[in-house]
PDB file of N, CA and C in Angstrom:
ATOM      1  N   UNK A   1     122.346   9.974  95.286  1.00  0.00           N
ATOM      2  CA  UNK A   1     121.116   9.549  94.633  1.00  0.00           C
ATOM      3  C   UNK A   1     121.456   8.496  93.592  1.00  0.00           C
ATOM      4  N   UNK A   2     120.704   7.418  93.614  1.00  0.00           N
ATOM      5  CA  UNK A   2     120.844   6.362  92.610  1.00  0.00           C
ATOM      6  C   UNK A   2     119.638   6.395  91.676  1.00  0.00           C
ATOM      7  N   UNK A   3     119.894   6.132  90.398  1.00  0.00           N
ATOM      8  CA  UNK A   3     118.818   5.982  89.431  1.00  0.00           C
ATOM      9  C   UNK A   3     118.448   4.508  89.360  1.00  0.00           C
ATOM     10  N   UNK A   4     117.151   4.225  89.428  1.00  0.00           N
ATOM     11  CA  UNK A   4     116.642   2.861  89.288  1.00  0.00           C
ATOM     12  C   UNK A   4     115.573   2.869  88.210  1.00  0.00           C
ATOM     13  N   UNK A   5     115.694   1.952  87.256  1.00  0.00           N
ATOM     14  CA  UNK A   5     114.763   1.834  86.141  1.00  0.00           C
ATOM     15  C   UNK A   5     113.835   0.650  86.375  1.00  0.00           C
ATOM     16  N   UNK A   6     112.537   0.872  86.219  1.00  0.00           N
ATOM     17  CA  UNK A   6     111.573  -0.214  86.305  1.00  0.00           C
ATOM     18  C   UNK A   6     111.640  -0.970  84.995  1.00  0.00           C
ATOM     19  N   UNK A   7     111.993  -2.253  85.032  1.00  0.00           N
ATOM     20  CA  UNK A   7     112.257  -3.009  83.808  1.00  0.00           C
ATOM     21  C   UNK A   7     111.308  -4.191  83.605  1.00  0.00           C
ATOM     22  N   UNK A   8     110.240  -4.257  84.353  1.00  0.00           N
ATOM     23  CA  UNK A   8     109.251  -5.312  84.151  1.00  0.00           C
ATOM     24  C   UNK A   8     108.485  -4.980  82.866  1.00  0.00           C
ATOM     25  N   UNK A   9     108.476  -5.916  81.918  1.00  0.00           N
ATOM     26  CA  UNK A   9     107.884  -5.639  80.612  1.00  0.00           C
ATOM     27  C   UNK A   9     106.358  -5.581  80.627  1.00  0.00           C
ATOM     28  N   UNK A  10     105.737  -6.293  81.531  1.00  0.00           N
ATOM     29  CA  UNK A  10     104.271  -6.304  81.587  1.00  0.00           C
ATOM     30  C   UNK A  10     103.825  -5.645  82.884  1.00  0.00           C
ATOM     31  N   UNK A  11     103.105  -6.371  83.712  1.00  0.00           N
ATOM     32  CA  UNK A  11     102.644  -5.852  84.994  1.00  0.00           C
ATOM     33  C   UNK A  11     103.558  -6.364  86.096  1.00  0.00           C
ATOM     34  N   UNK A  12     104.035  -5.457  86.931  1.00  0.00           N
ATOM     35  CA  UNK A  12     104.942  -5.853  88.002  1.00  0.00           C
ATOM     36  C   UNK A  12     104.676  -5.087  89.278  1.00  0.00           C
ATOM     37  N   UNK A  13     105.252  -5.573  90.347  1.00  0.00           N
ATOM     38  CA  UNK A  13     105.102  -4.979  91.674  1.00  0.00           C
ATOM     39  C   UNK A  13     106.327  -4.113  91.981  1.00  0.00           C
ATOM     40  N   UNK A  14     106.104  -2.931  92.559  1.00  0.00           N
ATOM     41  CA  UNK A  14     107.183  -2.014  92.914  1.00  0.00           C
ATOM     42  C   UNK A  14     108.225  -2.694  93.789  1.00  0.00           C
ATOM     43  N   UNK A  15     107.800  -3.331  94.873  1.00  0.00           N
ATOM     44  CA  UNK A  15     108.727  -3.871  95.872  1.00  0.00           C
ATOM     45  C   UNK A  15     109.270  -5.248  95.508  1.00  0.00           C
ATOM     46  N   UNK A  16     109.673  -5.428  94.256  1.00  0.00           N
ATOM     47  CA  UNK A  16     110.306  -6.663  93.791  1.00  0.00           C
ATOM     48  C   UNK A  16     111.619  -6.293  93.107  1.00  0.00           C
ATOM     49  N   UNK A  17     112.740  -6.738  93.667  1.00  0.00           N
ATOM     50  CA  UNK A  17     114.046  -6.357  93.108  1.00  0.00           C
ATOM     51  C   UNK A  17     114.222  -6.813  91.667  1.00  0.00           C
ATOM     52  N   UNK A  18     113.567  -7.896  91.263  1.00  0.00           N
ATOM     53  CA  UNK A  18     113.688  -8.378  89.882  1.00  0.00           C
ATOM     54  C   UNK A  18     113.147  -7.373  88.871  1.00  0.00           C
ATOM     55  N   UNK A  19     112.356  -6.396  89.330  1.00  0.00           N
ATOM     56  CA  UNK A  19     111.757  -5.406  88.434  1.00  0.00           C
ATOM     57  C   UNK A  19     112.573  -4.117  88.321  1.00  0.00           C
ATOM     58  N   UNK A  20     113.734  -4.046  88.977  1.00  0.00           N
ATOM     59  CA  UNK A  20     114.539  -2.818  88.983  1.00  0.00           C
ATOM     60  C   UNK A  20     115.943  -3.073  88.451  1.00  0.00           C
ATOM     61  N   UNK A  21     116.434  -2.118  87.667  1.00  0.00           N
ATOM     62  CA  UNK A  21     117.767  -2.203  87.082  1.00  0.00           C
ATOM     63  C   UNK A  21     118.489  -0.870  87.247  1.00  0.00           C
ATOM     64  N   UNK A  22     119.788  -0.898  87.071  1.00  0.00           N
ATOM     65  CA  UNK A  22     120.577   0.336  87.103  1.00  0.00           C
ATOM     66  C   UNK A  22     120.621   1.018  85.745  1.00  0.00           C
ATOM     67  N   UNK A  23     120.027   0.370  84.719  1.00  0.00           N
ATOM     68  CA  UNK A  23     119.991   0.965  83.383  1.00  0.00           C
ATOM     69  C   UNK A  23     118.685   0.623  82.675  1.00  0.00           C
ATOM     70  N   UNK A  24     118.285   1.485  81.784  1.00  0.00           N
ATOM     71  CA  UNK A  24     117.057   1.280  81.024  1.00  0.00           C
ATOM     72  C   UNK A  24     117.160  -0.005  80.201  1.00  0.00           C
ATOM     73  N   UNK A  25     116.192  -0.898  80.374  1.00  0.00           N
ATOM     74  CA  UNK A  25     116.191  -2.150  79.633  1.00  0.00           C
ATOM     75  C   UNK A  25     117.185  -3.175  80.140  1.00  0.00           C
ATOM     76  N   UNK A  26     117.871  -2.868  81.225  1.00  0.00           N
ATOM     77  CA  UNK A  26     118.883  -3.772  81.781  1.00  0.00           C
ATOM     78  C   UNK A  26     118.270  -4.935  82.540  1.00  0.00           C
ATOM     79  N   UNK A  27     119.130  -5.755  83.071  1.00  0.00           N
ATOM     80  CA  UNK A  27     118.699  -6.904  83.862  1.00  0.00           C
ATOM     81  C   UNK A  27     118.187  -6.451  85.213  1.00  0.00           C
ATOM     82  N   UNK A  28     117.128  -7.108  85.682  1.00  0.00           N
ATOM     83  CA  UNK A  28     116.592  -6.813  87.000  1.00  0.00           C
ATOM     84  C   UNK A  28     117.532  -7.299  88.093  1.00  0.00           C
ATOM     85  N   UNK A  29     117.178  -6.982  89.318  1.00  0.00           N
ATOM     86  CA  UNK A  29     117.976  -7.415  90.457  1.00  0.00           C
ATOM     87  C   UNK A  29     118.644  -6.280  91.204  1.00  0.00           C
ATOM     88  N   UNK A  30     118.466  -5.048  90.742  1.00  0.00           N
ATOM     89  CA  UNK A  30     119.020  -3.901  91.468  1.00  0.00           C
ATOM     90  C   UNK A  30     118.166  -3.646  92.712  1.00  0.00           C
ATOM     91  N   UNK A  31     118.665  -2.842  93.599  1.00  0.00           N
ATOM     92  CA  UNK A  31     117.887  -2.526  94.799  1.00  0.00           C
ATOM     93  C   UNK A  31     116.641  -1.723  94.429  1.00  0.00           C
ATOM     94  N   UNK A  32     115.622  -1.880  95.253  1.00  0.00           N
ATOM     95  CA  UNK A  32     114.388  -1.119  95.092  1.00  0.00           C
ATOM     96  C   UNK A  32     114.693   0.340  95.425  1.00  0.00           C
ATOM     97  N   UNK A  33     114.203   1.311  94.647  1.00  0.00           N
ATOM     98  CA  UNK A  33     114.519   2.712  94.941  1.00  0.00           C
ATOM     99  C   UNK A  33     114.070   3.113  96.343  1.00  0.00           C
ATOM    100  N   UNK A  34     114.930   3.882  97.012  1.00  0.00           N
ATOM    101  CA  UNK A  34     114.656   4.337  98.372  1.00  0.00           C
ATOM    102  C   UNK A  34     114.491   5.843  98.451  1.00  0.00           C
ATOM    103  N   UNK A  35     114.554   6.360  99.638  1.00  0.00           N
ATOM    104  CA  UNK A  35     114.214   7.760  99.906  1.00  0.00           C
ATOM    105  C   UNK A  35     115.137   8.774  99.241  1.00  0.00           C
ATOM    106  N   UNK A  36     116.322   8.372  98.820  1.00  0.00           N
ATOM    107  CA  UNK A  36     117.246   9.288  98.148  1.00  0.00           C
ATOM    108  C   UNK A  36     117.383   8.984  96.665  1.00  0.00           C
ATOM    109  N   UNK A  37     116.498   8.147  96.117  1.00  0.00           N
ATOM    110  CA  UNK A  37     116.664   7.651  94.756  1.00  0.00           C
ATOM    111  C   UNK A  37     115.607   8.175  93.789  1.00  0.00           C
ATOM    112  N   UNK A  38     115.926   8.006  92.492  1.00  0.00           N
ATOM    113  CA  UNK A  38     115.018   8.354  91.397  1.00  0.00           C
ATOM    114  C   UNK A  38     114.511   7.052  90.778  1.00  0.00           C
ATOM    115  N   UNK A  39     113.186   6.879  90.738  1.00  0.00           N
ATOM    116  CA  UNK A  39     112.552   5.738  90.092  1.00  0.00           C
ATOM    117  C   UNK A  39     112.134   6.174  88.695  1.00  0.00           C
ATOM    118  N   UNK A  40     112.703   5.542  87.672  1.00  0.00           N
ATOM    119  CA  UNK A  40     112.502   5.970  86.291  1.00  0.00           C
ATOM    120  C   UNK A  40     111.654   4.947  85.535  1.00  0.00           C
ATOM    121  N   UNK A  41     110.663   5.460  84.814  1.00  0.00           N
ATOM    122  CA  UNK A  41     109.774   4.657  83.991  1.00  0.00           C
ATOM    123  C   UNK A  41     109.873   5.179  82.560  1.00  0.00           C
ATOM    124  N   UNK A  42     110.216   4.286  81.623  1.00  0.00           N
ATOM    125  CA  UNK A  42     110.379   4.698  80.226  1.00  0.00           C
ATOM    126  C   UNK A  42     109.815   3.631  79.305  1.00  0.00           C
ATOM    127  N   UNK A  43     110.220   3.647  78.031  1.00  0.00           N
ATOM    128  CA  UNK A  43     109.659   2.707  77.069  1.00  0.00           C
ATOM    129  C   UNK A  43     110.062   1.259  77.318  1.00  0.00           C
ATOM    130  N   UNK A  44     110.939   1.010  78.269  1.00  0.00           N
ATOM    131  CA  UNK A  44     111.302  -0.351  78.670  1.00  0.00           C
ATOM    132  C   UNK A  44     110.571  -0.777  79.937  1.00  0.00           C
ATOM    133  N   UNK A  45     109.576  -0.014  80.343  1.00  0.00           N
ATOM    134  CA  UNK A  45     108.843  -0.273  81.586  1.00  0.00           C
ATOM    135  C   UNK A  45     107.393  -0.615  81.283  1.00  0.00           C
ATOM    136  N   UNK A  46     106.877  -1.602  82.004  1.00  0.00           N
ATOM    137  CA  UNK A  46     105.461  -1.923  81.940  1.00  0.00           C
ATOM    138  C   UNK A  46     104.727  -1.257  83.086  1.00  0.00           C
ATOM    139  N   UNK A  47     103.505  -1.686  83.318  1.00  0.00           N
ATOM    140  CA  UNK A  47     102.727  -1.133  84.432  1.00  0.00           C
ATOM    141  C   UNK A  47     103.299  -1.599  85.759  1.00  0.00           C
ATOM    142  N   UNK A  48     103.235  -0.718  86.744  1.00  0.00           N
ATOM    143  CA  UNK A  48     103.808  -0.965  88.064  1.00  0.00           C
ATOM    144  C   UNK A  48     102.725  -0.807  89.123  1.00  0.00           C
ATOM    145  N   UNK A  49     102.580  -1.824  89.974  1.00  0.00           N
ATOM    146  CA  UNK A  49     101.598  -1.799  91.052  1.00  0.00           C
ATOM    147  C   UNK A  49     102.284  -1.511  92.380  1.00  0.00           C
ATOM    148  N   UNK A  50     101.780  -0.506  93.091  1.00  0.00           N
ATOM    149  CA  UNK A  50     102.254  -0.190  94.435  1.00  0.00           C
ATOM    150  C   UNK A  50     101.274  -0.815  95.411  1.00  0.00           C
ATOM    151  N   UNK A  51     101.775  -1.793  96.192  1.00  0.00           N
ATOM    152  CA  UNK A  51     100.916  -2.530  97.123  1.00  0.00           C
ATOM    153  C   UNK A  51     101.484  -2.549  98.534  1.00  0.00           C
ATOM    154  N   UNK A  52     102.505  -1.742  98.777  1.00  0.00           N
ATOM    155  CA  UNK A  52     103.090  -1.605 100.113  1.00  0.00           C
ATOM    156  C   UNK A  52     103.740  -0.232 100.190  1.00  0.00           C
ATOM    157  N   UNK A  53     104.281   0.110 101.346  1.00  0.00           N
ATOM    158  CA  UNK A  53     104.853   1.439 101.537  1.00  0.00           C
ATOM    159  C   UNK A  53     105.998   1.705 100.563  1.00  0.00           C
ATOM    160  N   UNK A  54     106.010   2.916  99.999  1.00  0.00           N
ATOM    161  CA  UNK A  54     107.060   3.375  99.090  1.00  0.00           C
ATOM    162  C   UNK A  54     107.506   4.746  99.561  1.00  0.00           C
ATOM    163  N   UNK A  55     108.809   4.914  99.710  1.00  0.00           N
ATOM    164  CA  UNK A  55     109.393   6.201 100.075  1.00  0.00           C
ATOM    165  C   UNK A  55     110.532   6.452  99.102  1.00  0.00           C
ATOM    166  N   UNK A  56     110.323   7.378  98.154  1.00  0.00           N
ATOM    167  CA  UNK A  56     111.286   7.628  97.090  1.00  0.00           C
ATOM    168  C   UNK A  56     111.405   9.132  96.868  1.00  0.00           C
ATOM    169  N   UNK A  57     112.576   9.591  96.472  1.00  0.00           N
ATOM    170  CA  UNK A  57     112.782  11.022  96.247  1.00  0.00           C
ATOM    171  C   UNK A  57     112.039  11.489  94.998  1.00  0.00           C
ATOM    172  N   UNK A  58     112.250  10.784  93.866  1.00  0.00           N
ATOM    173  CA  UNK A  58     111.691  11.224  92.581  1.00  0.00           C
ATOM    174  C   UNK A  58     111.057  10.044  91.851  1.00  0.00           C
ATOM    175  N   UNK A  59     109.864  10.245  91.309  1.00  0.00           N
ATOM    176  CA  UNK A  59     109.286   9.351  90.318  1.00  0.00           C
ATOM    177  C   UNK A  59     109.346  10.097  88.999  1.00  0.00           C
ATOM    178  N   UNK A  60     110.059   9.525  88.039  1.00  0.00           N
ATOM    179  CA  UNK A  60     110.301  10.165  86.745  1.00  0.00           C
ATOM    180  C   UNK A  60     109.651   9.327  85.648  1.00  0.00           C
ATOM    181  N   UNK A  61     108.465   9.742  85.216  1.00  0.00           N
ATOM    182  CA  UNK A  61     107.730   9.051  84.157  1.00  0.00           C
ATOM    183  C   UNK A  61     108.046   9.762  82.843  1.00  0.00           C
ATOM    184  N   UNK A  62     108.950   9.170  82.067  1.00  0.00           N
ATOM    185  CA  UNK A  62     109.448   9.779  80.835  1.00  0.00           C
ATOM    186  C   UNK A  62     108.341   9.903  79.779  1.00  0.00           C
ATOM    187  N   UNK A  63     108.545  10.771  78.812  1.00  0.00           N
ATOM    188  CA  UNK A  63     107.541  11.008  77.771  1.00  0.00           C
ATOM    189  C   UNK A  63     107.279   9.765  76.932  1.00  0.00           C
ATOM    190  N   UNK A  64     108.229   8.830  76.875  1.00  0.00           N
ATOM    191  CA  UNK A  64     108.034   7.608  76.097  1.00  0.00           C
ATOM    192  C   UNK A  64     107.470   6.461  76.938  1.00  0.00           C
ATOM    193  N   UNK A  65     107.093   6.730  78.183  1.00  0.00           N
ATOM    194  CA  UNK A  65     106.471   5.712  79.035  1.00  0.00           C
ATOM    195  C   UNK A  65     105.009   5.574  78.632  1.00  0.00           C
ATOM    196  N   UNK A  66     104.597   4.356  78.287  1.00  0.00           N
ATOM    197  CA  UNK A  66     103.244   4.166  77.783  1.00  0.00           C
ATOM    198  C   UNK A  66     102.356   3.313  78.666  1.00  0.00           C
ATOM    199  N   UNK A  67     102.754   3.082  79.896  1.00  0.00           N
ATOM    200  CA  UNK A  67     101.970   2.230  80.785  1.00  0.00           C
ATOM    201  C   UNK A  67     101.493   3.046  81.990  1.00  0.00           C
ATOM    202  N   UNK A  68     101.217   2.367  83.111  1.00  0.00           N
ATOM    203  CA  UNK A  68     100.639   3.039  84.286  1.00  0.00           C
ATOM    204  C   UNK A  68     101.360   2.650  85.563  1.00  0.00           C
ATOM    205  N   UNK A  69     101.342   3.570  86.508  1.00  0.00           N
ATOM    206  CA  UNK A  69     101.690   3.269  87.890  1.00  0.00           C
ATOM    207  C   UNK A  69     100.367   3.271  88.645  1.00  0.00           C
ATOM    208  N   UNK A  70     100.046   2.140  89.264  1.00  0.00           N
ATOM    209  CA  UNK A  70      98.766   1.976  89.943  1.00  0.00           C
ATOM    210  C   UNK A  70      99.013   1.872  91.441  1.00  0.00           C
ATOM    211  N   UNK A  71      98.513   2.839  92.189  1.00  0.00           N
ATOM    212  CA  UNK A  71      98.706   2.918  93.636  1.00  0.00           C
ATOM    213  C   UNK A  71      97.528   2.232  94.305  1.00  0.00           C
ATOM    214  N   UNK A  72      97.719   0.958  94.697  1.00  0.00           N
ATOM    215  CA  UNK A  72      96.630   0.175  95.279  1.00  0.00           C
ATOM    216  C   UNK A  72      96.589   0.243  96.802  1.00  0.00           C
ATOM    217  N   UNK A  73      97.750   0.172  97.456  1.00  0.00           N
ATOM    218  CA  UNK A  73      97.764   0.184  98.918  1.00  0.00           C
ATOM    219  C   UNK A  73      99.147   0.580  99.430  1.00  0.00           C
ATOM    220  N   UNK A  74      99.229   0.790 100.748  1.00  0.00           N
ATOM    221  CA  UNK A  74     100.466   1.243 101.357  1.00  0.00           C
ATOM    222  C   UNK A  74     100.496   2.756 101.420  1.00  0.00           C
ATOM    223  N   UNK A  75     101.595   3.276 101.913  1.00  0.00           N
ATOM    224  CA  UNK A  75     101.813   4.720 102.003  1.00  0.00           C
ATOM    225  C   UNK A  75     102.820   5.110 100.925  1.00  0.00           C
ATOM    226  N   UNK A  76     102.436   6.035 100.065  1.00  0.00           N
ATOM    227  CA  UNK A  76     103.312   6.524  99.006  1.00  0.00           C
ATOM    228  C   UNK A  76     103.859   7.882  99.419  1.00  0.00           C
ATOM    229  N   UNK A  77     105.173   7.940  99.599  1.00  0.00           N
ATOM    230  CA  UNK A  77     105.835   9.185  99.968  1.00  0.00           C
ATOM    231  C   UNK A  77     106.859   9.515  98.885  1.00  0.00           C
ATOM    232  N   UNK A  78     106.638  10.650  98.202  1.00  0.00           N
ATOM    233  CA  UNK A  78     107.511  11.056  97.100  1.00  0.00           C
ATOM    234  C   UNK A  78     107.676  12.573  97.147  1.00  0.00           C
ATOM    235  N   UNK A  79     108.885  13.052  96.892  1.00  0.00           N
ATOM    236  CA  UNK A  79     109.137  14.493  96.896  1.00  0.00           C
ATOM    237  C   UNK A  79     108.751  15.148  95.580  1.00  0.00           C
ATOM    238  N   UNK A  80     109.139  14.535  94.459  1.00  0.00           N
ATOM    239  CA  UNK A  80     108.930  15.145  93.149  1.00  0.00           C
ATOM    240  C   UNK A  80     108.449  14.088  92.155  1.00  0.00           C
ATOM    241  N   UNK A  81     107.479  14.458  91.336  1.00  0.00           N
ATOM    242  CA  UNK A  81     107.008  13.588  90.266  1.00  0.00           C
ATOM    243  C   UNK A  81     107.160  14.336  88.937  1.00  0.00           C
ATOM    244  N   UNK A  82     107.798  13.668  87.976  1.00  0.00           N
ATOM    245  CA  UNK A  82     107.842  14.144  86.604  1.00  0.00           C
ATOM    246  C   UNK A  82     106.869  13.268  85.825  1.00  0.00           C
ATOM    247  N   UNK A  83     105.703  13.801  85.510  1.00  0.00           N
ATOM    248  CA  UNK A  83     104.646  13.048  84.836  1.00  0.00           C
ATOM    249  C   UNK A  83     104.583  13.517  83.384  1.00  0.00           C
ATOM    250  N   UNK A  84     105.508  12.984  82.569  1.00  0.00           N
ATOM    251  CA  UNK A  84     105.603  13.396  81.176  1.00  0.00           C
ATOM    252  C   UNK A  84     105.012  12.362  80.228  1.00  0.00           C
ATOM    253  N   UNK A  85     104.759  11.167  80.734  1.00  0.00           N
ATOM    254  CA  UNK A  85     104.168  10.102  79.938  1.00  0.00           C
ATOM    255  C   UNK A  85     103.493   9.104  80.852  1.00  0.00           C
ATOM    256  N   UNK A  86     102.722   8.222  80.268  1.00  0.00           N
ATOM    257  CA  UNK A  86     102.042   7.203  81.056  1.00  0.00           C
ATOM    258  C   UNK A  86     100.897   7.767  81.878  1.00  0.00           C
ATOM    259  N   UNK A  87     100.469   6.985  82.854  1.00  0.00           N
ATOM    260  CA  UNK A  87      99.345   7.365  83.695  1.00  0.00           C
ATOM    261  C   UNK A  87      99.668   7.042  85.143  1.00  0.00           C
ATOM    262  N   UNK A  88      99.308   7.942  86.042  1.00  0.00           N
ATOM    263  CA  UNK A  88      99.421   7.727  87.474  1.00  0.00           C
ATOM    264  C   UNK A  88      98.014   7.536  88.007  1.00  0.00           C
ATOM    265  N   UNK A  89      97.676   6.304  88.384  1.00  0.00           N
ATOM    266  CA  UNK A  89      96.337   5.942  88.848  1.00  0.00           C
ATOM    267  C   UNK A  89      96.357   5.859  90.369  1.00  0.00           C
ATOM    268  N   UNK A  90      95.751   6.842  91.039  1.00  0.00           N
ATOM    269  CA  UNK A  90      95.779   6.921  92.502  1.00  0.00           C
ATOM    270  C   UNK A  90      94.695   6.082  93.173  1.00  0.00           C
ATOM    271  N   UNK A  91      93.724   5.589  92.432  1.00  0.00           N
ATOM    272  CA  UNK A  91      92.667   4.720  92.952  1.00  0.00           C
ATOM    273  C   UNK A  91      92.070   5.217  94.274  1.00  0.00           C
ATOM    274  N   UNK A  92      91.570   6.404  94.283  1.00  0.00           N
ATOM    275  CA  UNK A  92      90.919   7.007  95.452  1.00  0.00           C
ATOM    276  C   UNK A  92      91.861   7.313  96.614  1.00  0.00           C
ATOM    277  N   UNK A  93      93.165   7.263  96.402  1.00  0.00           N
ATOM    278  CA  UNK A  93      94.126   7.631  97.438  1.00  0.00           C
ATOM    279  C   UNK A  93      94.495   9.103  97.284  1.00  0.00           C
ATOM    280  N   UNK A  94      94.864   9.711  98.371  1.00  0.00           N
ATOM    281  CA  UNK A  94      95.394  11.067  98.334  1.00  0.00           C
ATOM    282  C   UNK A  94      96.899  10.994  98.129  1.00  0.00           C
ATOM    283  N   UNK A  95      97.448  12.000  97.491  1.00  0.00           N
ATOM    284  CA  UNK A  95      98.886  12.083  97.278  1.00  0.00           C
ATOM    285  C   UNK A  95      99.340  13.476  97.673  1.00  0.00           C
ATOM    286  N   UNK A  96     100.256  13.536  98.610  1.00  0.00           N
ATOM    287  CA  UNK A  96     100.853  14.804  99.017  1.00  0.00           C
ATOM    288  C   UNK A  96     102.264  14.840  98.453  1.00  0.00           C
ATOM    289  N   UNK A  97     102.613  15.924  97.771  1.00  0.00           N
ATOM    290  CA  UNK A  97     103.914  16.003  97.131  1.00  0.00           C
ATOM    291  C   UNK A  97     104.485  17.401  97.285  1.00  0.00           C
ATOM    292  N   UNK A  98     105.793  17.487  97.090  1.00  0.00           N
ATOM    293  CA  UNK A  98     106.478  18.771  97.132  1.00  0.00           C
ATOM    294  C   UNK A  98     106.397  19.455  95.776  1.00  0.00           C
ATOM    295  N   UNK A  99     106.671  18.683  94.710  1.00  0.00           N
ATOM    296  CA  UNK A  99     106.653  19.227  93.357  1.00  0.00           C
ATOM    297  C   UNK A  99     106.084  18.192  92.400  1.00  0.00           C
ATOM    298  N   UNK A 100     105.355  18.654  91.412  1.00  0.00           N
ATOM    299  CA  UNK A 100     104.925  17.780  90.323  1.00  0.00           C
ATOM    300  C   UNK A 100     105.096  18.543  89.012  1.00  0.00           C
ATOM    301  N   UNK A 101     105.659  17.871  88.026  1.00  0.00           N
ATOM    302  CA  UNK A 101     105.844  18.435  86.706  1.00  0.00           C
ATOM    303  C   UNK A 101     105.085  17.537  85.744  1.00  0.00           C
ATOM    304  N   UNK A 102     104.300  18.137  84.859  1.00  0.00           N
ATOM    305  CA  UNK A 102     103.567  17.331  83.893  1.00  0.00           C
ATOM    306  C   UNK A 102     103.539  18.031  82.558  1.00  0.00           C
ATOM    307  N   UNK A 103     103.269  17.225  81.545  1.00  0.00           N
ATOM    308  CA  UNK A 103     103.218  17.719  80.184  1.00  0.00           C
ATOM    309  C   UNK A 103     101.804  17.508  79.665  1.00  0.00           C
ATOM    310  N   UNK A 104     101.182  18.553  79.181  1.00  0.00           N
ATOM    311  CA  UNK A 104      99.829  18.475  78.640  1.00  0.00           C
ATOM    312  C   UNK A 104      99.938  18.109  77.167  1.00  0.00           C
ATOM    313  N   UNK A 105      99.230  17.031  76.788  1.00  0.00           N
ATOM    314  CA  UNK A 105      99.268  16.611  75.393  1.00  0.00           C
ATOM    315  C   UNK A 105      97.887  16.604  74.804  1.00  0.00           C
TER     316      UNK A 105
END
């Protein structure tokens, strides 16, 4: 499993390598997270738009994440979601998952 951090400061697209890094706040250009990877969103991440198919093991929205993941189109396949911060906007889409963890604030 590889950790990939979304590092686009404003609004960015999931399937753009320039928006992914191997470290929080690092330089973009890492591979887009795949089916065995963890996609991490934290205080160095802006809003992320999903506009094509995504297949990822874990979406980890840290408690210090203050933006949104917006699911506009494509097929979203994820095993586990940690929804501790930010917002997950499904825009009338259904989401089937194995596990979801969230924090009530």
